[in-house]
């Protein structure tokens, strides 16, 4: 046999890499966005069947946010490709596992997706999915997992941090769902948010499987220190790509490149049916066998790590704890969960390459090896490359926003003074907590911005000294 006769074996890529390869033929979004998309795909589908026995994490559910300037980085295109993959996988899974029609399966997929909402609204959406729908043959079937998919997560974060907005409290809710904790929410007893006769309680049971894949613009404009303090940020991986990270060598024409968008969508749907759905069916059946044997619905398929992975993850956990003791900074608080993210992404890598030990035995295990862990570390390093910039900018951005708000209010206060304007004393009384030098600086800023101007009010009672006043530009003509 000559060398030419030897068949060339095609390289078998991990599922996450296969997803990235197909998508990048059609879309020139940053590669880290496709990394996040691939990991979330596994997490939101087959990941729901697993729970590590010895590791201090509950499930391999992950929270991911793509972040960038608007437009150029194709976040909406990635969201579309992501939805094609996950929606197709879940729909085929529900058709086969629950033995229902495609229309009914699509209803379950729709119920499993949440874009935004108040704390009560999100709880209602989840309870609707848990309670399920009545299918054609009269059975009730329910949703197995939920995902938060917001194409513009920034405004949602902004509303979460407002004390007066109905969406306040959603950040704490997302933290609870990440850990699979129970949640008991009660509407106002006064009846302002609950109708007469309506059940005021919303109870989400323990064990909810909840993931997130969302998108936002510049994160520093929406994140607050509170989100870091309560743990939402350290539970989330934000893949922020600066414009300086982009290269025109990766740019693609609007008319497509290697393949058309239609062909890309077809390939992704085919990948979902051939690669993802079989894994979901296999692990679901193993899980059902395990629960039937044990009689316990809280059982999950086990996950274990090889010795090298355990050493690497343990050392990582030790280092982040040590760093926090040395310097309790916002960035070190954010880094506290690094070992947890690596563990989850390593589990997803093992699922991606179907590294199940035990054949058809439901008491087998998914085995995470050092190659899975190393790949998770490398991918997360790329995703997290701008994390320090994001976290360090939070405090500065909040201060700038606060300053902007004061300037807006000061301008409004002076405008309400009409053509008579406001004296410095009147402005100082309104903002009594601001030091006089800072107050003068803010008034000068408004003058430089041509929002107000200085004028003189003649002295009363024949006095010689006029009073300096600040008048809004609306009344400029009256002083010409």
Foldseek 3Di string as FASTA:
>chain_A
DDPVPDDDDDDDDQQLVVQLVLVLQWDLADSLLSSVLSLQLLCQFQQLQEAADPDPAGTLAAEEEEEAAPDPRCLVVSLVLSCLQNLLLQLVLCCPPVVADSVQSSVLSVLQEAAADAPVVVLVSQVDQQQADQGDVRDGDHHQAHEHEHQACQVRLQLCPDPPHRRPPVLVVVVCLSRQQKDKFFDDPVCPPPPPPGGRIRIDHGSHHYHYYYYHYDLLLRDALVSLVSPSLLRYQYQYDYPVNDDCVSDDDPCTGSDHPVVSSVVSSVCSVPPVNVLSVLQVVLSVVVCVVVVDPPDGQHEDEDPVLVVVLVVQLVVLVVVCVVPVASLSSSSNCVSVQLVSQQLSSLSSVVQWPDVSHSNTHRYRYVVSSVVSVVSSCNSCVCVVVSRVSNVVSVVVVVLVVVLVVLLVVQAVVPPVGAAPVRSCVVVVVDDPVVSVVSLVVCVVVQQKDWDWADDPPPDDDTTIGIHGNVCVVVVD
